[in-house]
Structure formats: C-alpha cells, structure tokens
Amino acid sequence: MKKNEADSSRMKKVIVSCVAGSALEWYDFAVYSFFAAIIGKHFFPSADPFNQLIASFGAFAAGLIARPIGAIMFGYIGDKFGRKKTLVISIYMMAIPTAFMGFLPTHAMIGVWAGVLLTIVRIFQGLALGGGFTGTIVFLYEHSEEKKRSAYSSWAPFSLVIGFILGAFVANCMECLFTDEQIEAFGWRIPFIIGFLGTFIGRYIKKRLHDPKEFTDDQKAQAKDKKAAKESFIGSLFSKHWKGLVLVTMTDMLTACGYFLIAIFFTTYFETILHIKREHVLIIQQINMIILALLILLGGWIADYVGKRTQMLIATLSLAVLAYPIFTSMEDATVLSAFLGELGIIFLFAMYYGPIPAAICSMFPTKVRLAGVSIAHNFAMAAFGAYAPTLATYLVKWSGNIATPSILFIISSLATAVALFVWKEGETY
C-alpha cells in the first residue's frame, strides 16, 4: 500500500472511531433533553410545570459543572500518558452511568433521594465529558495534516451533533412504539440503557488506534529536557499558558451558550412555550440537527481556505446582529416559522463552530494541549453553558416575550468576537 493510501486509511479509521465514541457520549445528553419534562415529573415533582422543568435542567447543569474537574483529571492523563488513554477511560466512564440512569428509582419510590442520585449520576457523566470530547478534538487535530486541520477537526463537533440525532431517533422510536402513558411509566428509561453500547467502542479504540505521532515525538523531546521534567504540570500550565486559557475560554463562550440553547432549550421552547405538538417538535429538531451536522463539516472545510479567524468573526458578528429578528420571526408559533427560525440560527452557528476545534487546539503547544483545551473549554461550558437553558426559560417567564432568549446569543457572540479580534492565528500562548 502506498504512503498516501496508508495515511488516508489510517485517518478514516481515526475519524470513524472518534465520531462513534464521541457520538455515544453525547447521545445521553440528547436523550436527557427530550425527556427533561418527564424526568422533572419523576424526580422533582411540583405543582408548577415551570419549576419541574427548571429543576430538571438544574440536574443537567450539575453534569456540566463537573466538567472542569474532569478536564483537569483527563487533561493530565492525556498530556502525560497518552491521548488514547483519555478517550478509552472517558467512554467507559460515560457509558456505564448512562445505563445506570435507566434503573434509577423515582421520587415516588425513595423521595428526595431520587433527585440526589440523579444529580450524582450526572456529575459522573460530566467528569467523563470533561476529557472525552476535548480528547476527541485533540486526537483528530494531531492526526491531521497541516492544511486540512479545520476540516478533519470539525468531525469532533459533527460527532456531538450525531449523538444528538441518535438520541432524537431513539426518542422518536419510543413515541412510535409506546403510548404517552407507557413512555412516562417506563419507556423513558430504555434510551438510557442503550447507552451501554459505548463500552464496545471504547474496547475497539483501545485495541486498534495509536497515539498521534506529533504527541509521541513531543514526549520523546520532553524526556530529554530535565528542567521541564521537574516542573509542576498544572502549575506550569497556569503560570506560562494563562493567556491561552483565557483566550480559549472566551472564544468558546458562543460554543457553550449556543450549542445548549440549540440542542437542549429549543426542544422545550417549541413544545412548552410555543405550544407546538411534540411529534412536530421532534421532526423539526431531527431535520435541523442533520443540517447542522453537515454545515459543521462544510464550515471546517471552508475555513482551511479562507482562514479560521476571518470566517469565525463574520459568523459571530452576523449572529449578534440577526439573533433577535430571527426569534421574533417565530412569534406566530407555526411549525414552518419554528423550523426556519432555528435553521437561521444554526447556519450562522455552524460557520463559527466548524473551525473552532482547530482554532482552540492551535492556541496551545503540544505538551499542554489537551489539558489547556480541556480546562478552558470545560470551564466555558460550566460558566456559560450549564445554565443557558434554565436562564432562557426564566427570561421568557419573567418578560413574557418569547424573543428574549436571543439576548444570550447576542452577548455570547459579541464576547467571542472580542476574543477573535485579540487572537493572532498561528501563534501559541
């Protein structure tokens, strides 16, 4: 086999394995969003449906808040002992608690402890995601050739969306196979149990994939540097690379806020606030998320030609300007207006989101890349994404204006744009 063919075959294997593993990790978060209202009833019973929903999103947020801790843990493992170890451990750590979710006792069975157990499970899943997703990003980035890094790295956010689509598909199957009463009684548990399949992907990655050459070469170089060997890993990261941590955190602000509003909040927004039928909501979300996945790959491909910074700036500033008009276009609460409104947000978001994995990886040197990207990315998720669905719900309830969630898109887009203006493409920090 020729070298080009061997490299192409290797890259295909890396992409397929990473996409499959990451998709199953994110599958759980998608399933949770589709059954958030039912989970609220079972684990946080209340006379007010808004309070149930907010409590359910609160448990969801607990998983995101745990992610920075997982980022430190898995970042250290990945930069010191190998990128592959991070992927394998995080996949197992997500798949097993996800399956356990399907067997949790409800509030009717054990009272308030049901909510406590649910939150604990979400925390374990958050720890896993703290290293799993960023591990996938770095793994793809370092396996890629220089001129195609945005295109290849965009498969990481693509896998995230595929996980959501898979969750939507399974949720739709539940709608077809069971009545509303059966879904509320036991059907909601089945999609979580299916999450155990992730363990098989972890086993495949462990046996078939290898660490990127860029990482192994850097490890050899570090082994010869006695001064570097004596430095505290985390201490060095925060003292020498704090600019990179701040820059990635701010660049990722729109990622954190935007994705969870699109993937988590819009489902509930259409059903609970716009009062669109659930079966129509699931169809809207499935179609738009498929389009988002494809647009992310397109965004990554284009960025390799026009430049990551230029493309991301245009997308973020456009979203800041157009978010409010797009939300007001959905005020008539029809299926078509909801579909087109979300699609408008998705297009602009995808043009920003496709290049961002390569952008944030390029901001750190190899020796601290996984830890730096993981810590900054997950801090952004916890600080700006964890409570975005909850805050958006509060904004509508408080103001009575269905367009107020656009404020979150506007603020996060502008903050990200500031970071992009500061960033000098090609430099590490």
Protein backbone atom coordinates (compact mmCIF):
# COMPACT_ATOMS: atom_id res chain seq x y z
CA MET A 1 0.00 0.00 0.00
CA LYS A 2 1.34 3.44 -0.96
CA LYS A 3 2.05 6.01 1.77
CA ASN A 4 -0.84 8.32 0.73
CA GLU A 5 -3.26 5.40 0.71
CA ALA A 6 -1.99 4.20 4.10
CA ASP A 7 -2.36 7.70 5.57
CA SER A 8 -5.87 8.01 4.13
CA SER A 9 -6.86 4.59 5.52
CA ARG A 10 -5.43 5.48 8.95
CA MET A 11 -7.26 8.81 9.01
CA LYS A 12 -10.57 7.17 8.07
CA LYS A 13 -10.15 4.71 10.93
CA VAL A 14 -9.37 7.54 13.35
CA ILE A 15 -12.38 9.61 12.22
CA VAL A 16 -14.89 6.73 12.32
CA SER A 17 -13.74 5.55 15.76
CA CYS A 18 -13.66 9.05 17.26
CA VAL A 19 -17.04 10.00 15.79
CA ALA A 20 -18.65 6.79 17.07
CA GLY A 21 -17.20 7.09 20.56
CA SER A 22 -17.95 10.79 20.97
CA ALA A 23 -21.45 10.45 19.48
CA LEU A 24 -22.42 7.82 22.05
CA GLU A 25 -21.08 10.04 24.84
CA TRP A 26 -23.27 12.94 23.67
CA TYR A 27 -26.22 10.66 22.94
CA ASP A 28 -27.07 10.69 26.64
CA PHE A 29 -27.25 14.48 26.83
CA ALA A 30 -29.60 14.46 23.85
CA VAL A 31 -31.88 11.83 25.37
CA TYR A 32 -31.99 13.80 28.61
CA SER A 33 -33.19 16.90 26.77
CA PHE A 34 -36.01 15.02 25.03
CA PHE A 35 -37.27 13.54 28.28
CA ALA A 36 -36.49 16.53 30.54
CA ALA A 37 -40.16 17.23 31.26
CA ILE A 38 -40.87 13.58 32.19
CA ILE A 39 -37.70 13.38 34.29
CA GLY A 40 -38.83 16.54 36.08
CA LYS A 41 -42.13 14.87 36.99
CA HIS A 42 -40.48 11.70 38.28
CA PHE A 43 -37.56 13.18 40.19
CA PHE A 44 -38.64 16.74 41.07
CA PRO A 45 -42.45 16.70 41.45
CA SER A 46 -44.09 20.13 41.71
CA ALA A 47 -47.47 21.73 41.01
CA ASP A 48 -45.79 24.22 38.66
CA PRO A 49 -44.53 22.67 35.37
CA PHE A 50 -42.01 25.54 35.02
CA ASN A 51 -40.47 24.62 38.39
CA GLN A 52 -40.25 20.95 37.38
CA LEU A 53 -38.52 21.90 34.16
CA ILE A 54 -36.10 24.26 35.86
CA ALA A 55 -35.19 21.60 38.48
CA SER A 56 -34.65 19.05 35.71
CA PHE A 57 -32.36 21.46 33.85
CA GLY A 58 -30.60 22.07 37.17
CA ALA A 59 -29.61 18.38 37.38
CA PHE A 60 -28.49 18.65 33.75
CA ALA A 61 -26.33 21.63 34.68
CA ALA A 62 -24.68 19.68 37.53
CA GLY A 63 -23.08 17.44 34.94
CA LEU A 64 -21.71 20.43 33.07
CA ILE A 65 -20.35 22.00 36.26
CA ALA A 66 -18.39 18.78 36.95
CA ARG A 67 -16.71 19.02 33.57
CA PRO A 68 -13.84 21.37 34.61
CA ILE A 69 -12.80 18.82 37.27
CA GLY A 70 -12.87 16.06 34.65
CA ALA A 71 -10.90 18.35 32.35
CA ILE A 72 -8.05 18.66 34.85
CA MET A 73 -8.05 14.93 35.53
CA PHE A 74 -8.21 13.77 31.91
CA GLY A 75 -6.04 16.64 30.64
CA TYR A 76 -3.23 15.48 32.91
CA ILE A 77 -3.67 11.85 31.85
CA GLY A 78 -3.76 12.76 28.16
CA ASP A 79 -0.70 15.04 28.16
CA LYS A 80 1.38 12.76 30.38
CA PHE A 81 0.35 9.21 29.46
CA GLY A 82 -1.34 9.35 26.08
CA ARG A 83 -4.30 10.73 24.14
CA LYS A 84 -5.75 7.25 23.62
CA LYS A 85 -5.97 6.55 27.36
CA THR A 86 -8.13 9.64 27.78
CA LEU A 87 -10.56 8.52 25.08
CA VAL A 88 -10.93 4.96 26.35
CA ILE A 89 -11.40 5.82 30.04
CA SER A 90 -13.86 8.63 29.33
CA ILE A 91 -16.01 6.42 27.07
CA TYR A 92 -16.36 3.74 29.76
CA MET A 93 -16.98 6.40 32.39
CA MET A 94 -19.88 7.77 30.34
CA ALA A 95 -21.44 4.53 29.08
CA ILE A 96 -21.85 2.79 32.44
CA PRO A 97 -23.52 5.69 34.36
CA THR A 98 -25.76 6.34 31.33
CA ALA A 99 -27.06 2.77 31.51
CA PHE A 100 -27.48 3.18 35.29
CA MET A 101 -29.77 6.16 34.61
CA GLY A 102 -32.29 3.70 33.18
CA PHE A 103 -32.59 1.92 36.53
CA LEU A 104 -32.77 4.90 38.92
CA PRO A 105 -35.63 4.87 41.46
CA THR A 106 -38.02 7.83 41.23
CA HIS A 107 -39.26 10.34 43.83
CA ALA A 108 -42.35 8.19 44.36
CA MET A 109 -40.07 5.31 45.40
CA ILE A 110 -37.42 6.92 47.62
CA GLY A 111 -38.42 10.59 47.96
CA VAL A 112 -35.85 13.38 47.63
CA TRP A 113 -33.01 10.85 47.34
CA ALA A 114 -34.16 10.21 43.77
CA GLY A 115 -33.11 13.72 42.76
CA VAL A 116 -29.84 13.32 44.67
CA LEU A 117 -28.99 10.07 42.86
CA LEU A 118 -29.88 11.60 39.51
CA THR A 119 -27.57 14.55 40.18
CA ILE A 120 -24.71 12.23 41.25
CA VAL A 121 -25.02 10.23 38.02
CA ARG A 122 -25.00 13.46 36.01
CA ILE A 123 -21.82 14.52 37.83
CA PHE A 124 -20.03 11.28 36.84
CA GLN A 125 -21.11 11.80 33.26
CA GLY A 126 -19.87 15.38 33.42
CA LEU A 127 -16.46 14.19 34.63
CA ALA A 128 -16.28 11.84 31.64
CA LEU A 129 -17.23 14.55 29.16
CA GLY A 130 -14.62 16.80 30.75
CA GLY A 131 -11.94 14.82 28.93
CA GLY A 132 -13.81 12.79 26.33
CA PHE A 133 -14.92 15.47 23.90
CA THR A 134 -11.75 17.56 24.07
CA GLY A 135 -9.75 14.32 23.88
CA THR A 136 -11.51 13.63 20.57
CA ILE A 137 -10.78 17.16 19.34
CA VAL A 138 -7.04 16.92 20.10
CA PHE A 139 -6.79 13.34 18.80
CA LEU A 140 -8.25 14.37 15.42
CA TYR A 141 -6.24 17.61 15.25
CA GLU A 142 -2.89 15.93 15.91
CA HIS A 143 -3.57 13.10 13.46
CA SER A 144 -4.41 15.63 10.70
CA GLU A 145 -2.08 17.12 8.10
CA GLU A 146 -1.46 20.85 8.48
CA LYS A 147 -3.52 22.07 5.51
CA LYS A 148 -6.63 20.07 6.44
CA ARG A 149 -6.77 20.54 10.20
CA SER A 150 -10.00 22.57 10.28
CA ALA A 151 -11.76 20.04 8.02
CA TYR A 152 -10.61 16.96 9.94
CA SER A 153 -11.07 18.51 13.39
CA SER A 154 -14.63 19.53 12.51
CA TRP A 155 -15.57 15.83 12.74
CA ALA A 156 -15.46 16.29 16.54
CA PRO A 157 -18.41 18.74 16.75
CA PHE A 158 -20.02 16.71 13.94
CA SER A 159 -19.93 13.69 16.28
CA LEU A 160 -21.54 15.77 19.02
CA VAL A 161 -24.48 16.59 16.74
CA ILE A 162 -24.68 12.98 15.52
CA GLY A 163 -25.06 11.96 19.17
CA PHE A 164 -27.97 14.35 19.43
CA ILE A 165 -29.53 13.00 16.22
CA LEU A 166 -29.14 9.45 17.52
CA GLY A 167 -30.85 10.48 20.75
CA ALA A 168 -33.67 12.12 18.77
CA PHE A 169 -34.10 9.00 16.65
CA VAL A 170 -34.36 6.75 19.70
CA ALA A 171 -36.79 9.19 21.36
CA ASN A 172 -38.89 9.13 18.20
CA CYS A 173 -38.88 5.34 18.26
CA MET A 174 -40.22 5.45 21.80
CA GLU A 175 -43.02 7.74 20.60
CA CYS A 176 -43.92 5.22 17.88
CA LEU A 177 -43.68 2.08 19.99
CA PHE A 178 -45.36 3.23 23.20
CA THR A 179 -48.29 5.36 24.30
CA ASP A 180 -47.70 8.58 26.25
CA GLU A 181 -48.65 6.78 29.46
CA GLN A 182 -46.19 3.94 28.77
CA ILE A 183 -43.36 6.37 27.96
CA GLU A 184 -43.97 8.23 31.21
CA ALA A 185 -44.18 4.97 33.17
CA PHE A 186 -41.12 3.11 31.82
CA GLY A 187 -40.39 3.99 28.16
CA TRP A 188 -38.14 6.94 29.05
CA ARG A 189 -35.70 4.51 30.72
CA ILE A 190 -34.94 2.42 27.61
CA PRO A 191 -32.86 5.04 25.70
CA PHE A 192 -30.53 5.44 28.68
CA ILE A 193 -29.97 1.68 28.97
CA ILE A 194 -28.99 1.59 25.28
CA GLY A 195 -26.09 3.92 26.16
CA PHE A 196 -24.16 0.88 27.43
CA LEU A 197 -23.20 0.19 23.79
CA GLY A 198 -20.49 2.82 24.20
CA THR A 199 -18.33 0.28 26.03
CA PHE A 200 -17.83 -1.65 22.77
CA ILE A 201 -16.48 1.49 21.05
CA GLY A 202 -14.07 2.00 23.94
CA ARG A 203 -12.80 -1.54 23.54
CA TYR A 204 -12.22 -1.04 19.80
CA ILE A 205 -10.27 2.20 20.29
CA LYS A 206 -8.12 0.56 22.97
CA LYS A 207 -7.12 -2.27 20.62
CA ARG A 208 -6.92 -0.62 17.19
CA LEU A 209 -5.82 3.03 17.48
CA HIS A 210 -2.49 4.63 18.40
CA ASP A 211 -1.42 7.99 19.80
CA PRO A 212 -0.66 10.71 17.19
CA LYS A 213 2.97 10.96 16.01
CA GLU A 214 3.03 14.65 16.95
CA PHE A 215 2.32 13.68 20.56
CA THR A 216 4.82 10.78 20.74
CA ASP A 217 7.59 12.92 19.20
CA ASP A 218 6.91 15.65 21.75
CA GLN A 219 7.03 13.08 24.57
CA LYS A 220 10.48 11.96 23.43
CA ALA A 221 11.69 15.56 23.33
CA GLN A 222 10.34 16.24 26.81
CA ALA A 223 12.05 13.12 28.18
CA LYS A 224 15.41 14.71 27.28
CA ASP A 225 14.55 18.03 28.95
CA LYS A 226 15.47 17.56 32.63
CA LYS A 227 14.35 21.09 33.60
CA ALA A 228 10.88 20.55 32.17
CA ALA A 229 10.60 17.20 33.95
CA LYS A 230 10.95 18.90 37.34
CA GLU A 231 8.21 21.47 36.69
CA SER A 232 4.73 21.09 38.14
CA PHE A 233 2.48 20.21 35.20
CA ILE A 234 -0.61 22.14 36.34
CA GLY A 235 1.48 24.94 37.85
CA SER A 236 3.33 25.40 34.57
CA LEU A 237 0.07 25.40 32.61
CA PHE A 238 -1.45 28.21 34.67
CA SER A 239 1.73 30.28 35.03
CA LYS A 240 3.08 30.03 31.47
CA HIS A 241 -0.04 29.46 29.38
CA TRP A 242 -2.69 31.53 31.18
CA LYS A 243 -3.20 33.70 28.09
CA GLY A 244 -4.19 30.62 26.12
CA LEU A 245 -6.61 29.54 28.85
CA VAL A 246 -8.32 32.95 28.87
CA LEU A 247 -8.41 33.18 25.08
CA VAL A 248 -9.90 29.70 24.57
CA THR A 249 -12.47 30.30 27.32
CA MET A 250 -13.69 33.50 25.67
CA THR A 251 -13.54 32.04 22.15
CA ASP A 252 -15.64 29.13 23.38
CA MET A 253 -18.32 31.29 25.02
CA LEU A 254 -20.60 31.06 21.99
CA THR A 255 -19.94 27.31 21.76
CA ALA A 256 -21.10 26.86 25.35
CA CYS A 257 -24.15 29.06 25.24
CA GLY A 258 -25.17 28.49 21.61
CA TYR A 259 -25.00 24.73 21.38
CA PHE A 260 -27.01 24.03 24.51
CA LEU A 261 -29.66 26.53 23.51
CA ILE A 262 -29.97 24.86 20.09
CA ALA A 263 -29.78 21.26 21.26
CA ILE A 264 -31.45 21.43 24.66
CA PHE A 265 -33.54 24.58 25.01
CA PHE A 266 -35.17 24.74 21.58
CA THR A 267 -36.86 21.36 22.09
CA THR A 268 -38.60 22.56 25.24
CA TYR A 269 -39.06 26.08 23.82
CA PHE A 270 -41.07 24.80 20.85
CA GLU A 271 -43.14 22.38 22.92
CA THR A 272 -43.74 24.26 26.20
CA ILE A 273 -43.59 27.93 25.17
CA LEU A 274 -44.71 27.94 21.52
CA HIS A 275 -47.09 25.01 22.18
CA ILE A 276 -46.13 23.09 19.05
CA LYS A 277 -47.09 19.40 19.14
CA ARG A 278 -44.35 17.11 20.48
CA GLU A 279 -44.24 14.91 17.38
CA HIS A 280 -43.71 18.01 15.22
CA VAL A 281 -41.00 19.28 17.57
CA LEU A 282 -39.06 16.03 17.26
CA ILE A 283 -39.23 16.22 13.46
CA ILE A 284 -38.08 19.86 13.43
CA GLN A 285 -35.15 19.05 15.70
CA GLN A 286 -34.09 15.95 13.76
CA ILE A 287 -34.07 17.74 10.40
CA ASN A 288 -32.30 20.84 11.71
CA MET A 289 -29.69 18.84 13.60
CA ILE A 290 -28.88 16.80 10.48
CA ILE A 291 -28.44 20.08 8.61
CA LEU A 292 -26.27 21.42 11.45
CA ALA A 293 -24.01 18.35 11.31
CA LEU A 294 -23.46 18.77 7.57
CA LEU A 295 -22.93 22.53 7.86
CA ILE A 296 -20.28 21.99 10.55
CA LEU A 297 -18.24 19.85 8.14
CA LEU A 298 -18.75 22.49 5.44
CA GLY A 299 -17.63 25.21 7.85
CA GLY A 300 -14.46 23.28 8.71
CA TRP A 301 -13.69 22.68 5.04
CA ILE A 302 -14.18 26.34 4.04
CA ALA A 303 -12.03 27.57 6.94
CA ASP A 304 -8.97 25.74 5.58
CA TYR A 305 -9.22 28.03 2.53
CA VAL A 306 -10.40 31.40 3.88
CA GLY A 307 -8.84 31.24 7.35
CA LYS A 308 -10.34 30.24 10.70
CA ARG A 309 -10.28 33.69 12.29
CA THR A 310 -11.89 35.52 9.36
CA GLN A 311 -14.71 33.01 8.99
CA MET A 312 -15.46 32.83 12.71
CA LEU A 313 -15.55 36.62 13.05
CA ILE A 314 -18.04 37.02 10.21
CA ALA A 315 -20.26 34.31 11.68
CA THR A 316 -20.26 35.61 15.27
CA LEU A 317 -20.93 39.23 14.35
CA SER A 318 -23.72 38.19 11.97
CA LEU A 319 -25.33 36.12 14.72
CA ALA A 320 -25.15 39.04 17.16
CA VAL A 321 -26.99 41.26 14.68
CA LEU A 322 -29.59 38.75 13.46
CA ALA A 323 -30.47 36.73 16.60
CA TYR A 324 -33.30 38.98 17.82
CA PRO A 325 -35.02 39.35 14.41
CA ILE A 326 -34.83 35.58 13.94
CA PHE A 327 -36.52 34.94 17.30
CA THR A 328 -39.28 37.45 16.58
CA SER A 329 -39.96 35.62 13.30
CA MET A 330 -41.09 32.63 15.36
CA GLU A 331 -43.80 34.54 17.24
CA ASP A 332 -46.66 33.10 15.15
CA ALA A 333 -45.70 29.67 16.59
CA THR A 334 -46.18 27.63 13.41
CA VAL A 335 -44.15 24.57 12.51
CA LEU A 336 -42.67 26.37 9.48
CA SER A 337 -41.65 29.52 11.38
CA ALA A 338 -40.05 27.43 14.14
CA PHE A 339 -38.15 25.33 11.59
CA LEU A 340 -36.90 28.31 9.57
CA GLY A 341 -36.07 30.39 12.66
CA GLU A 342 -33.92 27.69 14.20
CA LEU A 343 -32.35 26.97 10.80
CA GLY A 344 -31.22 30.60 10.55
CA ILE A 345 -29.52 30.39 13.94
CA ILE A 346 -27.99 27.03 13.03
CA PHE A 347 -26.41 28.22 9.78
CA LEU A 348 -24.55 31.10 11.40
CA PHE A 349 -23.58 28.99 14.41
CA ALA A 350 -22.20 26.18 12.19
CA MET A 351 -19.94 28.55 10.23
CA TYR A 352 -18.39 29.50 13.58
CA TYR A 353 -18.49 26.04 15.13
CA GLY A 354 -16.85 24.05 12.30
CA PRO A 355 -13.41 25.72 12.58
CA ILE A 356 -13.34 26.14 16.35
CA PRO A 357 -11.71 22.76 17.28
CA ALA A 358 -8.68 23.52 15.10
CA ALA A 359 -8.63 27.12 16.35
CA ILE A 360 -8.50 26.28 20.05
CA CYS A 361 -6.02 23.41 19.59
CA SER A 362 -3.65 25.74 17.72
CA MET A 363 -3.54 28.12 20.69
CA PHE A 364 -1.52 25.67 22.87
CA PRO A 365 1.82 23.85 22.36
CA THR A 366 1.63 20.04 22.15
CA LYS A 367 2.94 19.32 25.67
CA VAL A 368 -0.01 21.07 27.39
CA ARG A 369 -2.55 20.99 24.56
CA LEU A 370 -5.05 18.50 25.93
CA ALA A 371 -5.00 19.93 29.45
CA GLY A 372 -5.19 23.51 28.18
CA VAL A 373 -8.01 22.88 25.73
CA SER A 374 -9.91 20.67 28.21
CA ILE A 375 -9.72 23.06 31.15
CA ALA A 376 -10.58 26.20 29.16
CA HIS A 377 -13.30 24.56 27.05
CA ASN A 378 -14.99 22.90 30.02
CA PHE A 379 -14.78 25.99 32.19
CA ALA A 380 -16.58 27.83 29.40
CA MET A 381 -19.20 25.08 29.26
CA ALA A 382 -19.77 25.25 33.02
CA ALA A 383 -19.72 29.05 33.25
CA PHE A 384 -21.63 29.97 30.11
CA GLY A 385 -23.47 26.83 29.00
CA ALA A 386 -24.62 24.98 32.12
CA TYR A 387 -27.49 27.28 32.95
CA ALA A 388 -28.19 28.69 29.48
CA PRO A 389 -31.40 26.59 29.02
CA THR A 390 -32.54 27.48 32.56
CA LEU A 391 -31.78 31.17 32.10
CA ALA A 392 -33.53 31.26 28.72
CA THR A 393 -36.62 29.68 30.32
CA TYR A 394 -36.56 32.28 33.12
CA LEU A 395 -36.21 35.14 30.62
CA VAL A 396 -39.39 34.10 28.81
CA LYS A 397 -41.32 33.57 32.04
CA TRP A 398 -40.14 36.87 33.54
CA SER A 399 -40.61 39.06 30.47
CA GLY A 400 -43.48 37.34 28.69
CA ASN A 401 -41.52 37.98 25.46
CA ILE A 402 -40.63 34.83 23.51
CA ALA A 403 -37.72 36.61 21.78
CA THR A 404 -35.75 37.32 24.98
CA PRO A 405 -33.57 34.15 24.71
CA SER A 406 -31.89 35.90 21.77
CA ILE A 407 -30.12 38.08 24.37
CA LEU A 408 -27.97 35.06 25.29
CA PHE A 409 -26.93 34.56 21.66
CA ILE A 410 -26.11 38.27 21.29
CA ILE A 411 -23.97 38.52 24.44
CA SER A 412 -22.04 35.29 23.82
CA SER A 413 -21.45 36.17 20.14
CA LEU A 414 -20.03 39.59 20.99
CA ALA A 415 -17.78 38.19 23.74
CA THR A 416 -16.44 35.57 21.34
CA ALA A 417 -15.88 38.21 18.66
CA VAL A 418 -13.72 40.22 21.08
CA ALA A 419 -11.54 37.15 21.72
CA LEU A 420 -11.20 36.54 17.99
CA PHE A 421 -10.04 40.13 17.45
CA VAL A 422 -7.29 39.56 20.06
CA TRP A 423 -6.21 36.15 18.75
CA LYS A 424 -3.34 36.06 16.26
CA GLU A 425 -3.80 33.00 14.06
CA GLY A 426 -0.75 30.72 14.04
CA GLU A 427 0.56 31.73 17.49
CA THR A 428 0.60 29.58 20.62
CA TYR A 429 0.09 31.08 24.06
